[in-house]
Amino acid sequence: MRPSGIPQLIVIGTACACGLADLVWGRFAGLLGRADLEAAARRRAVLRGVRALGRLKGAFAKLGQLAAIRIDALPEDTTDALASLRDRVPPLPFARIQQVVEGELGRPLADVFTNFEPEPLGAASIAQAHRATLHSGEAVVVKVQYPWLAASLETDLRIARGLFAVFGVLRRRGGRSAPLFREFCEGVRDELDFEREARVAGEIAENLAGEPGVLVPEVIAGLSTRRVLTMRHHPAIPIDDPDALARRGVDPRAVVEILARAYSAQVFRDGLFHADPHPGNLFVVDEPRADRDPRVLFVDFGLSRRLDPALRRELRLGVFALMQRDLAAFLDAMERL
């Protein structure tokens, strides 16, 4: 049923109808002087939409993630709600996850893992991640792709294109959003290929081997496939949890410096970069030396990009001109780009 698009349209249509009813009721309450009821109705409408996108997962949740960064176009409470789609979508029941893992690895879970935690560490748009322990005693994280995504991808993208077009009309951007949507589709297709992600993670890990403040978890090739990715587990602190970082004595400025160096190396030197740097994919390694020499853990390399050498050169020249406050040279570099 999912490749037909009917279940997706029912979920979206129901959310839109109920959300519209909330907004109409809220407007009526506002006319009666009940601003509190109007605000509450608008929050309900937003949450209905977020829940629908999270339930559908895949391209729909990715679309919500994209909208979450549009702080220029959407209210703060809306972007905050959409941000939950990064790692807090409704998880699949463990039985379905077990079916996927056993089907991909060709073995029962017990033959591979001494323990496989039913509760996920997080559930995002493309997959959910579970902690597990190998028979060797090593702790790992198993990233498991939602089983229907590959089959329904093109249908989902067609529906998402319609939603994207509606948003463009509402924001008066129209056809100018088409290149952005093409990039969006390319990114979603790439993220469904975990074998590609494993290769990219290995290449970026090799490129950044000289950066002591960066850690890329090692992928265990024998336990990874196109829809299952097994990586070594590292205890970590969310990068957007200031209280936890403070308890560990981690200086946020040191973390920012590590990120700046890591991304400068990836973009200007290597030409291959981790292109999904939201707080669900960046952590500080929780280890005794974190207060003195913190390390940033990068995860989820499904969305990555390569830059042409000529483009990297012009970017370097443009940034250098900016640092020198040379406006003419900066504008020349932008023109060449």
Protein backbone atom coordinates (compact mmCIF):
# COMPACT_ATOMS: atom_id res chain seq x y z
CA MET A 1 0.00 0.00 0.00
CA ARG A 2 2.74 2.49 0.85
CA PRO A 3 4.19 2.74 -2.71
CA SER A 4 0.73 3.74 -3.93
CA GLY A 5 0.88 6.92 -1.86
CA ILE A 6 -2.60 6.43 -0.43
CA PRO A 7 -1.61 5.91 3.25
CA GLN A 8 0.70 8.94 3.12
CA LEU A 9 -2.01 11.15 1.61
CA ILE A 10 -4.51 10.01 4.25
CA VAL A 11 -2.11 10.91 7.09
CA ILE A 12 -1.25 14.28 5.54
CA GLY A 13 -4.84 15.07 4.63
CA THR A 14 -6.10 14.25 8.12
CA ALA A 15 -3.40 16.38 9.74
CA CYS A 16 -4.15 19.30 7.41
CA ALA A 17 -7.92 19.11 7.99
CA CYS A 18 -7.58 18.91 11.76
CA GLY A 19 -4.90 21.60 11.79
CA LEU A 20 -7.11 23.91 9.72
CA ALA A 21 -9.97 23.33 12.15
CA ASP A 22 -7.62 24.25 15.02
CA LEU A 23 -6.60 27.46 13.27
CA VAL A 24 -10.18 28.44 12.50
CA TRP A 25 -11.20 27.84 16.11
CA GLY A 26 -8.16 29.76 17.30
CA ARG A 27 -8.98 32.71 15.09
CA PHE A 28 -12.54 32.75 16.41
CA ALA A 29 -11.22 32.65 19.99
CA GLY A 30 -8.86 35.51 19.15
CA LEU A 31 -11.75 37.65 17.90
CA LEU A 32 -13.42 37.06 21.26
CA GLY A 33 -10.34 38.38 23.02
CA ARG A 34 -8.95 34.99 24.09
CA ALA A 35 -5.38 35.27 22.85
CA ASP A 36 -4.38 32.34 25.08
CA LEU A 37 -6.84 30.03 23.34
CA GLU A 38 -5.72 31.27 19.93
CA ALA A 39 -2.08 30.54 20.75
CA ALA A 40 -2.96 27.10 22.12
CA ALA A 41 -4.92 26.26 18.97
CA ARG A 42 -2.00 27.27 16.79
CA ARG A 43 0.36 25.07 18.83
CA ARG A 44 -2.01 22.13 18.38
CA ALA A 45 -2.08 22.69 14.63
CA VAL A 46 1.72 22.76 14.47
CA LEU A 47 2.05 19.62 16.59
CA ARG A 48 -0.45 17.77 14.39
CA GLY A 49 1.74 18.52 11.40
CA VAL A 50 4.94 17.51 13.16
CA ARG A 51 3.39 14.25 14.38
CA ALA A 52 2.21 13.44 10.86
CA LEU A 53 5.67 14.02 9.40
CA GLY A 54 7.25 11.95 12.16
CA ARG A 55 4.80 9.12 11.64
CA LEU A 56 5.51 9.02 7.90
CA LYS A 57 9.30 9.28 8.39
CA GLY A 58 11.57 9.25 5.35
CA ALA A 59 11.28 12.19 2.97
CA PHE A 60 8.47 13.73 5.02
CA ALA A 61 10.48 13.89 8.25
CA LYS A 62 13.47 15.17 6.23
CA LEU A 63 11.23 17.90 4.84
CA GLY A 64 10.31 18.86 8.40
CA GLN A 65 14.00 18.94 9.34
CA LEU A 66 14.63 21.28 6.43
CA ALA A 67 11.79 23.54 7.57
CA ALA A 68 13.22 23.54 11.11
CA ILE A 69 16.21 25.58 9.99
CA ARG A 70 14.03 28.19 8.26
CA ILE A 71 14.07 30.56 11.21
CA ASP A 72 13.81 33.35 8.65
CA ALA A 73 10.43 32.14 7.45
CA LEU A 74 8.72 30.35 10.35
CA PRO A 75 7.92 31.29 13.97
CA GLU A 76 10.31 30.08 16.65
CA ASP A 77 7.80 27.75 18.30
CA THR A 78 7.19 26.08 14.92
CA THR A 79 10.89 25.55 14.14
CA ASP A 80 11.44 24.25 17.70
CA ALA A 81 8.68 21.67 17.22
CA LEU A 82 10.03 20.64 13.82
CA ALA A 83 13.51 20.21 15.30
CA SER A 84 12.24 17.16 17.20
CA LEU A 85 12.19 15.33 13.84
CA ARG A 86 16.00 15.16 13.93
CA ASP A 87 16.10 12.31 16.43
CA ARG A 88 12.75 11.98 18.20
CA VAL A 89 10.27 10.57 15.69
CA PRO A 90 8.02 7.70 16.87
CA PRO A 91 10.19 4.54 16.79
CA LEU A 92 9.16 1.30 15.15
CA PRO A 93 8.27 -1.66 17.38
CA PHE A 94 11.29 -3.79 18.18
CA ALA A 95 9.83 -6.83 16.40
CA ARG A 96 9.98 -5.01 13.06
CA ILE A 97 13.53 -3.82 13.72
CA GLN A 98 14.57 -7.37 14.57
CA GLN A 99 13.12 -8.61 11.27
CA VAL A 100 15.13 -6.07 9.31
CA VAL A 101 18.42 -6.81 11.11
CA GLU A 102 18.06 -10.59 10.86
CA GLY A 103 17.00 -10.36 7.22
CA GLU A 104 19.95 -8.14 6.30
CA LEU A 105 22.58 -10.10 8.26
CA GLY A 106 21.09 -13.48 7.40
CA ARG A 107 21.34 -14.68 11.01
CA PRO A 108 19.29 -14.54 14.21
CA LEU A 109 20.19 -11.68 16.55
CA ALA A 110 21.43 -14.13 19.18
CA ASP A 111 24.05 -15.46 16.77
CA VAL A 112 25.59 -11.99 16.42
CA PHE A 113 24.83 -10.12 19.64
CA THR A 114 24.81 -11.12 23.28
CA ASN A 115 22.51 -8.17 23.92
CA PHE A 116 20.44 -5.95 21.65
CA GLU A 117 18.54 -3.21 23.48
CA PRO A 118 14.87 -3.02 22.37
CA GLU A 119 14.62 0.69 23.22
CA PRO A 120 16.35 2.82 20.60
CA LEU A 121 18.95 5.44 21.41
CA GLY A 122 17.14 7.67 18.97
CA ALA A 123 14.76 7.49 16.02
CA ALA A 124 15.13 9.87 13.10
CA SER A 125 13.86 10.30 9.57
CA ILE A 126 15.64 7.41 7.87
CA ALA A 127 16.51 4.97 10.65
CA GLN A 128 16.61 4.30 14.36
CA ALA A 129 19.69 3.34 16.35
CA HIS A 130 20.00 0.63 19.02
CA ARG A 131 22.80 -0.20 21.41
CA ALA A 132 24.04 -3.77 21.28
CA THR A 133 26.92 -5.93 22.50
CA LEU A 134 28.88 -8.33 20.31
CA HIS A 135 29.97 -11.78 21.49
CA SER A 136 33.45 -10.30 21.83
CA GLY A 137 32.06 -7.98 24.52
CA GLU A 138 32.43 -4.89 22.37
CA ALA A 139 29.67 -2.26 22.57
CA VAL A 140 28.23 -1.17 19.24
CA VAL A 141 25.43 0.95 17.83
CA VAL A 142 23.24 -0.59 15.14
CA LYS A 143 21.53 1.83 12.78
CA VAL A 144 18.50 0.21 11.15
CA GLN A 145 16.69 1.68 8.16
CA TYR A 146 12.89 1.72 8.16
CA PRO A 147 11.90 -1.25 5.98
CA TRP A 148 9.49 0.46 3.57
CA LEU A 149 11.53 3.52 2.63
CA ALA A 150 13.34 2.20 -0.45
CA ALA A 151 10.13 0.84 -2.00
CA SER A 152 8.12 4.02 -1.43
CA LEU A 153 10.88 6.59 -1.97
CA GLU A 154 9.85 7.93 -5.39
CA THR A 155 6.19 8.14 -4.36
CA ASP A 156 7.14 9.91 -1.15
CA LEU A 157 9.28 12.40 -3.07
CA ARG A 158 6.43 13.19 -5.47
CA ILE A 159 4.14 13.95 -2.54
CA ALA A 160 6.89 15.90 -0.80
CA ARG A 161 7.34 17.94 -3.98
CA GLY A 162 3.72 19.03 -3.67
CA LEU A 163 4.20 20.04 -0.04
CA PHE A 164 7.37 21.87 -0.93
CA ALA A 165 5.56 23.74 -3.72
CA VAL A 166 2.79 24.79 -1.33
CA PHE A 167 5.35 26.12 1.12
CA GLY A 168 7.05 28.01 -1.73
CA VAL A 169 3.77 29.63 -2.76
CA LEU A 170 2.98 30.61 0.83
CA ARG A 171 6.44 32.15 1.16
CA ARG A 172 6.10 33.76 -2.31
CA ARG A 173 9.15 31.96 -3.67
CA GLY A 174 7.43 29.87 -6.35
CA GLY A 175 9.81 28.26 -8.85
CA ARG A 176 12.88 29.67 -7.13
CA SER A 177 12.70 26.74 -4.68
CA ALA A 178 13.09 24.11 -7.44
CA PRO A 179 16.93 23.83 -7.23
CA LEU A 180 16.70 23.44 -3.45
CA PHE A 181 14.17 20.63 -3.82
CA ARG A 182 16.38 18.83 -6.36
CA GLU A 183 19.22 18.96 -3.84
CA PHE A 184 16.83 17.69 -1.17
CA CYS A 185 15.82 14.67 -3.31
CA GLU A 186 19.44 13.82 -4.07
CA GLY A 187 20.26 13.93 -0.38
CA VAL A 188 17.38 11.64 0.61
CA ARG A 189 18.37 9.08 -2.04
CA ASP A 190 21.97 9.11 -0.81
CA GLU A 191 20.93 8.62 2.81
CA LEU A 192 19.14 5.36 2.00
CA ASP A 193 22.40 3.74 0.92
CA PHE A 194 24.19 2.70 4.12
CA GLU A 195 27.02 1.09 2.13
CA ARG A 196 27.80 4.51 0.66
CA GLU A 197 27.59 6.03 4.15
CA ALA A 198 30.10 3.48 5.45
CA ARG A 199 32.55 4.34 2.67
CA VAL A 200 32.19 8.08 3.30
CA ALA A 201 32.62 7.66 7.06
CA GLY A 202 35.83 5.70 6.49
CA GLU A 203 37.19 8.29 4.06
CA ILE A 204 36.41 11.23 6.33
CA ALA A 205 37.88 9.39 9.31
CA GLU A 206 41.10 8.87 7.32
CA ASN A 207 41.14 12.52 6.19
CA LEU A 208 40.72 13.79 9.76
CA ALA A 209 43.09 11.31 11.39
CA GLY A 210 45.46 14.17 12.14
CA GLU A 211 42.81 16.11 14.08
CA PRO A 212 43.07 14.91 17.71
CA GLY A 213 39.78 16.58 18.64
CA VAL A 214 37.70 14.60 16.12
CA LEU A 215 36.37 11.06 16.43
CA VAL A 216 34.53 9.18 13.67
CA PRO A 217 33.19 5.82 14.89
CA GLU A 218 34.57 2.81 13.07
CA VAL A 219 32.08 0.93 10.91
CA ILE A 220 32.11 -2.85 11.34
CA ALA A 221 31.98 -3.96 7.72
CA GLY A 222 30.99 -7.58 8.35
CA LEU A 223 27.85 -6.45 10.20
CA SER A 224 26.81 -3.68 7.83
CA THR A 225 24.68 -3.78 4.69
CA ARG A 226 22.68 -1.39 2.55
CA ARG A 227 20.02 -1.09 5.29
CA VAL A 228 21.94 -1.91 8.49
CA LEU A 229 25.01 -0.06 9.73
CA THR A 230 26.95 -1.30 12.76
CA MET A 231 29.46 1.07 14.40
CA ARG A 232 31.57 1.05 17.52
CA HIS A 233 29.84 2.74 20.44
CA HIS A 234 31.38 5.70 22.27
CA PRO A 235 29.69 7.23 25.35
CA ALA A 236 28.91 10.82 24.46
CA ILE A 237 27.24 14.04 25.57
CA PRO A 238 24.84 15.87 23.23
CA ILE A 239 26.58 18.96 21.91
CA ASP A 240 23.52 21.10 22.70
CA ASP A 241 23.31 20.05 26.37
CA PRO A 242 25.17 22.87 28.18
CA ASP A 243 24.41 21.52 31.65
CA ALA A 244 25.91 18.11 30.90
CA LEU A 245 28.94 19.72 29.27
CA ALA A 246 29.40 21.98 32.30
CA ARG A 247 29.25 19.00 34.68
CA ARG A 248 32.04 17.41 32.66
CA GLY A 249 34.02 20.65 32.71
CA VAL A 250 33.94 20.98 28.92
CA ASP A 251 34.59 24.49 27.60
CA PRO A 252 32.08 25.18 24.78
CA ARG A 253 34.61 27.44 23.08
CA ALA A 254 37.00 24.50 22.72
CA VAL A 255 34.22 22.49 21.08
CA VAL A 256 33.47 25.31 18.63
CA GLU A 257 37.17 25.54 17.75
CA ILE A 258 37.29 21.79 17.04
CA LEU A 259 34.25 22.04 14.79
CA ALA A 260 35.67 25.05 12.96
CA ARG A 261 38.96 23.27 12.29
CA ALA A 262 37.24 20.04 11.28
CA TYR A 263 34.90 21.70 8.81
CA SER A 264 37.64 23.95 7.43
CA ALA A 265 39.72 20.84 6.74
CA GLN A 266 36.82 19.01 5.13
CA VAL A 267 35.64 21.91 2.96
CA PHE A 268 38.85 23.70 1.99
CA ARG A 269 41.41 20.87 2.03
CA ASP A 270 39.73 17.50 1.54
CA GLY A 271 36.72 18.42 -0.57
CA LEU A 272 34.52 15.83 1.16
CA PHE A 273 32.45 16.99 4.11
CA HIS A 274 29.83 15.82 6.59
CA ALA A 275 26.83 17.80 5.36
CA ASP A 276 24.33 17.25 8.17
CA PRO A 277 25.81 19.06 11.21
CA HIS A 278 22.74 19.36 13.43
CA PRO A 279 22.83 18.59 17.19
CA GLY A 280 21.53 15.06 16.65
CA ASN A 281 24.70 14.19 14.75
CA LEU A 282 27.38 15.92 16.85
CA PHE A 283 28.43 14.92 20.37
CA VAL A 284 31.27 15.42 22.83
CA VAL A 285 32.93 12.14 23.77
CA ASP A 286 32.24 11.40 27.45
CA GLU A 287 35.69 10.43 28.73
CA PRO A 288 37.94 11.43 31.67
CA ARG A 289 40.03 13.84 29.61
CA ALA A 290 37.02 15.71 28.21
CA ASP A 291 37.61 18.70 30.48
CA ARG A 292 41.18 19.12 29.19
CA ASP A 293 41.12 17.80 25.63
CA PRO A 294 37.53 17.36 24.43
CA ARG A 295 36.82 15.34 21.33
CA VAL A 296 33.82 15.83 19.05
CA LEU A 297 32.07 12.68 17.85
CA PHE A 298 30.65 12.90 14.32
CA VAL A 299 27.87 10.45 13.41
CA ASP A 300 25.51 9.92 10.46
CA PHE A 301 27.45 10.43 7.23
CA GLY A 302 24.47 9.66 5.01
CA LEU A 303 24.36 13.27 3.87
CA SER A 304 27.79 14.27 2.57
CA ARG A 305 29.06 16.26 -0.39
CA ARG A 306 32.16 16.54 -2.53
CA LEU A 307 33.44 19.89 -3.76
CA ASP A 308 35.17 20.48 -7.06
CA PRO A 309 38.84 21.52 -6.63
CA ALA A 310 38.24 24.78 -8.52
CA LEU A 311 35.30 25.56 -6.26
CA ARG A 312 37.42 24.90 -3.16
CA ARG A 313 40.10 27.26 -4.50
CA GLU A 314 37.62 30.08 -5.05
CA LEU A 315 36.13 29.51 -1.59
CA ARG A 316 39.59 29.76 -0.05
CA LEU A 317 40.35 32.97 -1.95
CA GLY A 318 36.98 34.43 -0.98
CA VAL A 319 37.44 33.68 2.72
CA PHE A 320 41.00 35.00 2.65
CA ALA A 321 39.81 38.23 1.02
CA LEU A 322 37.13 38.55 3.68
CA MET A 323 39.70 38.11 6.43
CA GLN A 324 41.85 40.80 4.79
CA ARG A 325 38.82 43.12 4.47
CA ASP A 326 39.51 43.28 0.74
CA LEU A 327 36.04 43.90 -0.64
CA ALA A 328 37.07 43.97 -4.30
CA ALA A 329 38.88 40.62 -4.06
CA PHE A 330 35.96 39.09 -2.16
CA LEU A 331 33.45 40.23 -4.79
CA ASP A 332 35.73 38.93 -7.55
CA ALA A 333 35.81 35.50 -5.88
CA MET A 334 32.02 35.47 -5.52
CA GLU A 335 31.63 36.40 -9.20
CA ARG A 336 33.93 33.53 -10.22
CA LEU A 337 31.93 31.15 -8.03
